[in-house]
């Protein structure tokens, strides 16, 4: 399970870049699953190589007028390959650890579902408008890289470990292709 919160470094607006007033937020939980190879390279240090399926969801909200809100829910699917170094403290059954590394990813799909919600400030009651999901993969960078920090604990069981971990991943690449900014006329 993962939670995604994008950071905007450069605002975007159809009319004027200084008009950018939208906000990004988490849109529920995403899913991740995969395989992990773990090799002890020195007594407390492990090297991990993973192959992950990563699903991320987030929402963009903007209020261009006083009577309506526009929301766009984006869902991205990545194939991610993290390489991590993990420092593990061997405390018999419980083994807390901390680690970090880098990951590379390939974008497999990206969709956007727009909606316009009218609020009570209107004199006439309008029905909300929700569109179907649109493919926006052509507007996104197909490759990305992340810096990763990891904190967790493993519990020793008969034939392995049961573990839980928390990760922070910071994207190092712009996911949006600015040269394609006005190409998709559905969103202009």
Protein backbone atom coordinates (compact mmCIF):
# COMPACT_ATOMS: atom_id res chain seq x y z
CA UNK A 1 0.00 0.00 0.00
CA UNK A 2 1.32 3.48 -0.79
CA UNK A 3 0.22 7.12 -0.53
CA UNK A 4 1.33 9.69 -3.12
CA UNK A 5 1.53 13.48 -2.75
CA UNK A 6 3.04 15.30 -5.77
CA UNK A 7 5.06 18.49 -5.42
CA UNK A 8 4.64 21.26 -8.01
CA UNK A 9 7.79 23.20 -8.83
CA UNK A 10 6.40 25.08 -11.84
CA UNK A 11 2.76 26.10 -12.09
CA UNK A 12 0.72 25.61 -15.24
CA UNK A 13 -2.34 27.48 -16.46
CA UNK A 14 -3.90 27.66 -19.91
CA UNK A 15 -4.12 31.45 -19.81
CA UNK A 16 -1.16 32.56 -17.71
CA UNK A 17 1.46 30.71 -15.63
CA UNK A 18 0.97 33.16 -12.76
CA UNK A 19 -2.73 32.12 -12.59
CA UNK A 20 -1.85 28.68 -11.25
CA UNK A 21 -3.97 28.12 -8.14
CA UNK A 22 -4.52 24.36 -8.16
CA UNK A 23 -3.65 22.00 -5.34
CA UNK A 24 -2.48 18.39 -5.42
CA UNK A 25 -3.52 15.91 -2.77
CA UNK A 26 -3.57 12.22 -2.03
CA UNK A 27 -6.40 10.23 -3.67
CA UNK A 28 -6.58 7.09 -1.57
CA UNK A 29 -4.13 4.24 -1.48
CA UNK A 30 -2.13 2.82 -4.36
CA UNK A 31 -0.90 -0.75 -4.63
CA UNK A 32 2.62 -2.08 -4.95
CA UNK A 33 3.83 -5.64 -5.24
CA UNK A 34 6.98 -7.32 -6.43
CA UNK A 35 10.04 -9.46 -5.91
CA UNK A 36 13.09 -8.78 -3.76
CA UNK A 37 16.60 -10.23 -3.75
CA UNK A 38 18.41 -9.65 -0.45
CA UNK A 39 22.15 -10.35 -0.05
CA UNK A 40 24.18 -9.75 3.12
CA UNK A 41 27.40 -8.06 1.95
CA UNK A 42 28.88 -7.42 5.39
CA UNK A 43 27.62 -8.39 8.86
CA UNK A 44 25.10 -5.53 9.42
CA UNK A 45 24.71 -4.40 5.76
CA UNK A 46 22.42 -5.93 3.16
CA UNK A 47 22.13 -5.13 -0.54
CA UNK A 48 18.58 -5.31 -1.94
CA UNK A 49 17.45 -5.41 -5.54
CA UNK A 50 13.71 -5.24 -6.17
CA UNK A 51 11.33 -5.44 -9.12
CA UNK A 52 8.05 -3.69 -8.25
CA UNK A 53 4.67 -3.02 -9.79
CA UNK A 54 3.73 0.44 -8.46
CA UNK A 55 0.31 2.10 -8.72
CA UNK A 56 -0.01 5.76 -7.66
CA UNK A 57 -3.15 7.91 -7.33
CA UNK A 58 -3.46 11.61 -6.70
CA UNK A 59 -5.92 14.44 -7.23
CA UNK A 60 -5.59 17.95 -8.63
CA UNK A 61 -8.25 20.47 -7.54
CA UNK A 62 -8.77 23.98 -8.88
CA UNK A 63 -11.57 26.53 -8.34
CA UNK A 64 -11.48 28.66 -11.50
CA UNK A 65 -14.82 30.33 -10.62
CA UNK A 66 -16.76 30.91 -7.40
CA UNK A 67 -19.53 28.49 -8.43
CA UNK A 68 -17.52 25.40 -9.42
CA UNK A 69 -14.56 23.18 -8.55
CA UNK A 70 -12.64 21.20 -11.14
CA UNK A 71 -10.95 17.98 -10.02
CA UNK A 72 -8.70 15.67 -12.00
CA UNK A 73 -7.76 12.27 -10.61
CA UNK A 74 -4.58 10.84 -12.07
CA UNK A 75 -3.59 7.20 -11.80
CA UNK A 76 -0.09 6.12 -12.87
CA UNK A 77 1.31 2.59 -13.11
CA UNK A 78 5.07 2.06 -13.02
CA UNK A 79 7.52 -0.81 -13.28
CA UNK A 80 10.16 0.18 -10.70
CA UNK A 81 13.63 -1.25 -9.96
CA UNK A 82 14.98 -0.08 -6.56
CA UNK A 83 18.57 -0.74 -5.43
CA UNK A 84 18.98 -0.28 -1.66
CA UNK A 85 21.58 -0.61 1.08
CA UNK A 86 20.05 -1.62 4.41
CA UNK A 87 21.70 -1.47 7.84
CA UNK A 88 20.08 -4.13 10.05
CA UNK A 89 20.43 -4.42 13.82
CA UNK A 90 20.36 -8.10 14.78
CA UNK A 91 18.33 -8.26 18.01
CA UNK A 92 17.46 -11.98 17.86
CA UNK A 93 13.77 -12.24 16.85
CA UNK A 94 13.23 -8.53 16.08
CA UNK A 95 15.59 -6.91 13.59
CA UNK A 96 15.04 -3.16 13.11
CA UNK A 97 16.63 -1.62 10.02
CA UNK A 98 17.25 1.64 8.22
CA UNK A 99 18.33 2.06 4.61
CA UNK A 100 18.41 4.08 1.47
CA UNK A 101 19.07 3.92 -2.22
CA UNK A 102 17.88 4.81 -5.67
CA UNK A 103 15.16 3.47 -7.96
CA UNK A 104 14.56 3.63 -11.68
CA UNK A 105 11.13 3.32 -13.22
CA UNK A 106 9.32 2.88 -16.51
CA UNK A 107 5.81 4.35 -16.89
CA UNK A 108 3.39 1.66 -18.09
CA UNK A 109 0.16 3.72 -18.03
CA UNK A 110 -1.21 7.10 -16.99
CA UNK A 111 -4.89 8.10 -16.97
CA UNK A 112 -6.75 11.24 -15.95
CA UNK A 113 -10.41 11.41 -14.90
CA UNK A 114 -11.77 15.00 -14.87
CA UNK A 115 -14.91 16.22 -13.05
CA UNK A 116 -16.64 19.57 -12.56
CA UNK A 117 -18.60 19.93 -9.33
CA UNK A 118 -21.00 22.85 -8.91
CA UNK A 119 -21.41 24.27 -5.43
CA UNK A 120 -24.30 26.04 -3.70
CA UNK A 121 -23.20 29.53 -4.83
CA UNK A 122 -25.11 29.19 -8.13
CA UNK A 123 -28.57 30.65 -8.78
CA UNK A 124 -29.45 27.66 -10.97
CA UNK A 125 -28.73 24.08 -9.92
CA UNK A 126 -26.48 22.39 -12.48
CA UNK A 127 -25.69 18.69 -12.55
CA UNK A 128 -22.08 17.76 -11.83
CA UNK A 129 -20.09 16.64 -14.87
CA UNK A 130 -17.79 13.61 -14.72
CA UNK A 131 -15.87 12.40 -17.74
CA UNK A 132 -14.40 8.96 -18.36
CA UNK A 133 -10.69 8.32 -17.91
CA UNK A 134 -8.41 9.66 -20.67
CA UNK A 135 -5.00 8.20 -21.55
CA UNK A 136 -2.33 10.85 -20.87
CA UNK A 137 0.77 8.67 -21.11
CA UNK A 138 2.01 10.74 -24.09
CA UNK A 139 2.03 13.81 -21.79
CA UNK A 140 4.20 12.11 -19.14
CA UNK A 141 7.88 11.21 -19.04
CA UNK A 142 8.28 7.48 -19.65
CA UNK A 143 11.29 7.17 -17.29
CA UNK A 144 11.82 8.42 -13.75
CA UNK A 145 14.24 7.98 -10.88
CA UNK A 146 13.72 8.29 -7.15
CA UNK A 147 15.82 8.66 -4.00
CA UNK A 148 14.53 6.30 -1.31
CA UNK A 149 14.71 6.23 2.49
CA UNK A 150 13.54 3.11 4.37
CA UNK A 151 12.75 2.39 8.03
CA UNK A 152 11.33 -0.91 9.31
CA UNK A 153 11.56 -4.08 11.33
CA UNK A 154 11.82 -7.79 10.45
CA UNK A 155 10.56 -10.55 12.73
CA UNK A 156 12.32 -13.93 12.51
CA UNK A 157 10.03 -16.90 11.77
CA UNK A 158 10.95 -20.55 11.10
CA UNK A 159 11.90 -20.26 7.42
CA UNK A 160 12.43 -16.55 6.90
CA UNK A 161 11.17 -13.17 8.09
CA UNK A 162 7.94 -11.28 8.41
CA UNK A 163 8.56 -7.56 8.00
CA UNK A 164 6.99 -4.14 7.87
CA UNK A 165 8.59 -0.99 6.48
CA UNK A 166 7.87 2.64 5.73
CA UNK A 167 9.44 4.33 2.69
CA UNK A 168 9.87 7.86 1.55
CA UNK A 169 10.49 8.22 -2.20
CA UNK A 170 11.45 11.55 -3.71
CA UNK A 171 11.12 11.77 -7.50
CA UNK A 172 14.18 13.24 -9.21
CA UNK A 173 12.65 13.80 -12.66
CA UNK A 174 9.83 15.97 -13.93
CA UNK A 175 6.97 13.59 -14.77
CA UNK A 176 5.22 16.12 -17.02
CA UNK A 177 6.48 16.76 -20.55
CA UNK A 178 6.26 20.55 -20.79
CA UNK A 179 6.79 20.52 -24.56
CA UNK A 180 3.47 18.60 -24.89
CA UNK A 181 1.64 21.04 -22.62
CA UNK A 182 -0.92 22.19 -25.23
CA UNK A 183 -1.07 19.05 -27.41
CA UNK A 184 -4.00 17.33 -25.70
CA UNK A 185 -6.95 19.53 -26.69
CA UNK A 186 -9.28 17.62 -24.36
CA UNK A 187 -7.73 19.46 -21.42
CA UNK A 188 -7.10 22.94 -22.85
